[in-house]
Amino acid sequence: MIFQTPILALLLISALSSVVMLWAGWFALRLLLRWDLASGSRAQLEMERATDLVSTLFGFVMLAQLLSLLLYVFNADRMATLFVGAMCAVGTLNNNDWGFPTLYAKLAIFFVATMWLILDRADRTGHDYPLTRVKFALVLLIVPLVLAAGASELTYFLNLQADVITSCCSTEFTADTEDAGLGSDMSSLAPATALWLLAASGAAVALIGAVSLIWKRGTMLFAAAGAVFFVVALTAIISVISPYVYEHPTHHCPFCILKPEYNYFGYVLYVPLFLGTAFALGAGLLQPFRKVESLAATLPARIRKQVALSLASFVVFGLVVLWTIWQSQLILFG
């Protein structure tokens, strides 16, 4: 089973990423201990030249990790037919204890990687490497996460068993089940409550974002609001939006909407939500550095661009949600 093409591709990405991570982590540690722009030593000059190479390779790894998340979810859904009791990615990921932890690690890497890429791009606009220490300190935090995700992924694939009866979305995302978990709790939230919370958090994000764009204030608050909106949106997807897609009031699975029989609609829903959240967090990450001398002329505009991209992505998500409800034959409210 491990010799299937998508699994081999995922493991290859993980292996190459791990090698680059270890190298980048060692370089980051040396840089944080020895970096001194005031020094004209040979070691400092070599380190300054090496930062571009390391940053570029690390950036490629971060992009590969973003693609790895999509491939991991797609492969989990594709393999569902191989396991007894599995109907979608949930069943595949439940085949052993490592499926969902790997997914959560990849989700964390998605946001951290996106924020690092945003930080790296901003650093390259400064003539004096103003954010080099910051971004390589972040590298040291990312390295263990990527290595742990790779180890978890390998363990998951090595322990896949076709003869194991696995639980699927019918038990994981059903309200009022005996073995209630987070999925069950989110499913049990009243549809009207979920939609009101989504609308209220969306309005708050739009208002704070407008203030950040016009008056150049509240960017950190906007980042926090974006993170809250992300959680509320995921809850709404499970509680009410998914049933509208399936046109079935008790089908709450957030993974089945990724299946071909629903025209891969989940990707249209999730991509703008994830991008909007990542851009919001990226704007908040850049905000503390807006007064750095070599970035003062460019960073405020870059922060506003991040906020604008985040708002645009959230608007796309909102329009997709409205379209889903409008065209659905399901009637939840009389």
Foldseek 3Di string as FASTA:
>chain_A
DCPDPLNVVLLVLLVVLLVLLVVLLVLLVVCLVDADLVDPDPVNVVNVVVLVVSLVVNLVSLVSLLVSLVSLQVVLQVCQVLAAAGNGSQQSLQQDDLSVVLNVLSLVSNLLSLLLVLVVVLLVLFPRSPCVNVSSVSSNVVNVSSNVSSVSSVVSSVPRDSHDHGHYQLQQQFAPDPPDDPNNVLQPPALVVLVVVLVVLLVVLVVLLVCCLPVVDNLLVNLVSLVVNLVSVVSNQQHPLVCLLVLHNGRRDLGCCCDVVSPRVSCQQVVLSSLLNSLSNSLNVLVVCCVPPRSVVPSSVSSNVSSVSSNVSVVSNVVSSVVSNVPGPHDPDD
